[in-house]
N, C-alpha and C. Protein backbone atom coordinates (compact mmCIF):
# COMPACT_ATOMS: atom_id res chain seq x y z
N MET A 1 0.91 -1.15 0.11
CA MET A 1 -0.03 0.07 0.00
C MET A 1 0.97 1.38 0.05
N ALA A 2 0.56 2.20 -0.64
CA ALA A 2 1.30 3.51 -0.75
C ALA A 2 1.01 4.39 0.68
N ALA A 3 1.92 5.14 0.81
CA ALA A 3 1.87 6.10 1.88
C ALA A 3 0.65 6.92 2.01
N GLY A 4 0.29 7.21 1.17
CA GLY A 4 -1.26 8.25 0.67
C GLY A 4 -2.31 7.68 0.78
N ASP A 5 -2.38 5.93 1.29
CA ASP A 5 -3.64 5.16 1.26
C ASP A 5 -4.20 5.55 2.43
N ASN A 6 -5.62 5.64 2.68
CA ASN A 6 -6.27 5.90 4.19
C ASN A 6 -6.58 4.56 4.59
N LEU A 7 -5.67 4.16 5.63
CA LEU A 7 -6.05 2.61 6.19
C LEU A 7 -7.31 3.13 7.35
N ILE A 8 -8.27 2.07 7.30
CA ILE A 8 -8.99 2.24 8.39
C ILE A 8 -8.84 0.94 9.23
N ARG A 9 -8.91 0.85 10.47
CA ARG A 9 -8.64 -0.33 11.28
C ARG A 9 -10.27 -0.76 11.89
N CYS A 10 -10.56 -2.30 11.45
CA CYS A 10 -12.13 -2.36 11.82
C CYS A 10 -11.71 -2.51 13.19
N GLY A 11 -13.11 -2.09 13.88
CA GLY A 11 -13.47 -2.02 15.60
C GLY A 11 -13.61 -3.20 16.25
N PHE A 12 -13.95 -4.06 15.20
CA PHE A 12 -14.32 -5.56 15.52
C PHE A 12 -13.36 -6.69 15.58
N CYS A 13 -13.07 -6.95 14.29
CA CYS A 13 -11.57 -7.74 14.30
C CYS A 13 -10.31 -7.18 14.03
N GLY A 14 -10.19 -5.72 13.96
CA GLY A 14 -8.78 -5.39 13.96
C GLY A 14 -8.44 -5.49 12.66
N HIS A 15 -8.69 -5.98 11.84
CA HIS A 15 -8.28 -6.09 10.24
C HIS A 15 -8.21 -4.39 9.69
N GLU A 16 -6.84 -4.20 9.07
CA GLU A 16 -6.73 -3.22 8.51
C GLU A 16 -6.88 -3.33 7.12
N PHE A 17 -7.33 -2.03 6.48
CA PHE A 17 -7.80 -2.22 5.07
C PHE A 17 -7.88 -0.66 4.47
N VAL A 18 -7.71 -0.52 3.20
CA VAL A 18 -7.70 0.53 2.41
C VAL A 18 -9.05 1.07 2.39
N GLU A 19 -9.59 2.43 2.60
CA GLU A 19 -11.12 2.86 2.40
C GLU A 19 -11.59 2.14 1.29
N GLU A 20 -11.02 2.26 -0.10
CA GLU A 20 -11.51 1.69 -0.97
C GLU A 20 -12.04 0.13 -1.22
N GLN A 21 -11.23 -0.49 -0.03
CA GLN A 21 -11.55 -2.14 -0.26
C GLN A 21 -12.86 -2.34 0.39
N GLY A 22 -13.47 -1.33 1.27
CA GLY A 22 -14.33 -1.39 2.23
C GLY A 22 -15.75 -1.34 1.06
N ASN A 23 -16.73 -2.42 1.80
CA ASN A 23 -18.02 -2.22 1.35
C ASN A 23 -18.73 -0.90 1.59
N VAL A 24 -18.94 -0.15 0.76
CA VAL A 24 -19.71 1.18 1.59
C VAL A 24 -21.35 1.04 1.26
N GLY A 25 -21.72 1.28 2.54
CA GLY A 25 -23.51 1.02 2.75
C GLY A 25 -23.96 -0.02 2.38
N CYS A 26 -25.05 -0.28 2.35
CA CYS A 26 -25.73 -1.37 1.97
C CYS A 26 -27.20 -1.10 1.38
N LYS A 27 -27.98 -1.83 0.62
CA LYS A 27 -28.96 -1.70 -0.22
C LYS A 27 -30.36 -1.69 0.68
N ASN A 28 -30.26 -2.75 1.59
CA ASN A 28 -31.68 -2.70 2.83
C ASN A 28 -31.55 -1.74 3.54
N CYS A 29 -30.54 -0.93 3.84
CA CYS A 29 -30.59 0.04 5.02
C CYS A 29 -31.49 0.97 4.71
N PRO A 30 -32.20 1.55 5.50
CA PRO A 30 -33.11 2.78 5.13
C PRO A 30 -32.54 4.20 4.99
N MET A 31 -31.10 3.98 5.58
CA MET A 31 -30.25 5.19 5.17
C MET A 31 -29.73 5.04 4.18
N SER A 32 -29.55 4.26 3.30
CA SER A 32 -28.94 4.07 2.17
C SER A 32 -28.43 5.06 1.30
N SER A 33 -29.46 6.06 1.27
CA SER A 33 -28.62 7.52 0.47
C SER A 33 -27.80 8.25 1.24
N GLY A 34 -27.89 8.20 2.67
CA GLY A 34 -26.99 9.10 3.45
C GLY A 34 -26.33 8.37 4.43
N CYS A 35 -25.83 7.27 4.41
CA CYS A 35 -25.15 6.34 5.32
C CYS A 35 -23.91 6.27 4.77
N LYS A 36 -22.94 6.81 5.74
CA LYS A 36 -21.35 6.91 5.43
C LYS A 36 -20.83 5.70 5.82
N MET A 37 -21.11 4.53 6.43
CA MET A 37 -20.79 3.63 6.63
C MET A 37 -19.72 2.75 6.16
N ILE A 38 -18.78 2.13 6.39
CA ILE A 38 -17.63 1.49 5.53
C ILE A 38 -17.51 -0.16 6.15
N LYS A 39 -18.23 -0.73 5.53
CA LYS A 39 -18.04 -2.07 5.83
C LYS A 39 -16.39 -2.63 5.72
N CYS A 40 -16.24 -3.81 6.80
CA CYS A 40 -15.01 -4.49 6.59
C CYS A 40 -14.81 -5.40 5.63
N PRO A 41 -14.23 -5.52 4.86
CA PRO A 41 -14.13 -6.55 3.70
C PRO A 41 -14.07 -8.19 4.53
N ARG A 42 -13.50 -8.05 5.78
CA ARG A 42 -13.26 -9.52 6.37
C ARG A 42 -14.30 -10.01 7.29
N CYS A 43 -15.02 -9.20 8.05
CA CYS A 43 -15.97 -9.66 8.93
C CYS A 43 -17.32 -8.77 8.63
N ASN A 44 -17.48 -7.80 7.60
CA ASN A 44 -18.70 -7.34 7.21
C ASN A 44 -19.18 -6.28 8.55
N TYR A 45 -18.14 -5.85 9.69
CA TYR A 45 -18.68 -5.08 10.58
C TYR A 45 -18.72 -3.58 10.04
N GLU A 46 -19.88 -2.44 10.25
CA GLU A 46 -19.67 -1.33 9.73
C GLU A 46 -18.86 -0.53 10.63
N ASN A 47 -18.05 0.33 9.91
CA ASN A 47 -17.14 1.36 10.89
C ASN A 47 -17.41 2.81 10.14
N PRO A 48 -17.60 3.54 11.20
CA PRO A 48 -17.66 5.12 10.75
C PRO A 48 -16.55 5.64 9.80
N PRO A 49 -16.69 6.38 9.36
CA PRO A 49 -15.72 7.06 8.46
C PRO A 49 -14.76 7.76 9.33
N GLU A 50 -13.63 8.02 8.98
CA GLU A 50 -12.57 8.64 9.69
C GLU A 50 -12.77 10.03 9.45
N PRO A 51 -12.98 10.98 10.75
CA PRO A 51 -13.24 12.33 10.48
C PRO A 51 -12.23 13.20 9.65
N ALA A 52 -12.40 13.94 8.87
CA ALA A 52 -11.14 14.91 8.20
C ALA A 52 -10.40 15.41 9.08
N LEU A 53 -10.58 15.81 10.41
CA LEU A 53 -9.33 16.23 11.26
C LEU A 53 -8.09 15.17 11.37
N VAL A 54 -8.57 13.92 11.57
CA VAL A 54 -8.00 12.83 11.89
C VAL A 54 -7.20 12.32 10.83
N LYS A 55 -7.74 12.53 9.62
CA LYS A 55 -7.03 12.35 8.50
C LYS A 55 -6.02 13.23 8.18
N GLY A 56 -6.00 14.79 8.66
CA GLY A 56 -5.30 15.61 8.22
C GLY A 56 -4.01 15.48 9.14
N ILE A 57 -4.52 15.24 10.63
CA ILE A 57 -3.34 15.14 12.00
C ILE A 57 -2.31 13.74 11.17
N LYS A 58 -2.98 12.81 10.73
CA LYS A 58 -2.16 11.25 10.26
C LYS A 58 -1.31 11.68 8.92
N LYS A 59 -1.80 12.28 8.28
CA LYS A 59 -1.05 13.15 6.99
C LYS A 59 0.35 13.74 7.30
N LEU A 60 -0.04 14.98 8.73
CA LEU A 60 1.30 15.42 9.04
C LEU A 60 1.93 14.81 9.74
N LEU A 61 1.62 13.72 10.64
CA LEU A 61 2.56 12.61 11.26
C LEU A 61 3.22 11.69 10.04
N ARG A 62 3.00 11.55 9.26
CA ARG A 62 3.19 10.74 8.00
C ARG A 62 4.55 11.34 7.60
N ARG A 63 4.63 12.65 7.81
CA ARG A 63 5.89 13.44 7.07
C ARG A 63 7.22 13.47 7.69
């Protein structure tokens, strides 16, 4: 994975994955049009997206 990839750690199983690898939303959810949850590709646990502030801090720390 490249240094610019946005890694997410699953809150349930601890699997780390790139945000693009996660399954975004679900078709049966009543909030499917506005839901921003990202499902872990390993266990399907729904993780909240990382706030922009946290993304920015991580980017600064990588330098």
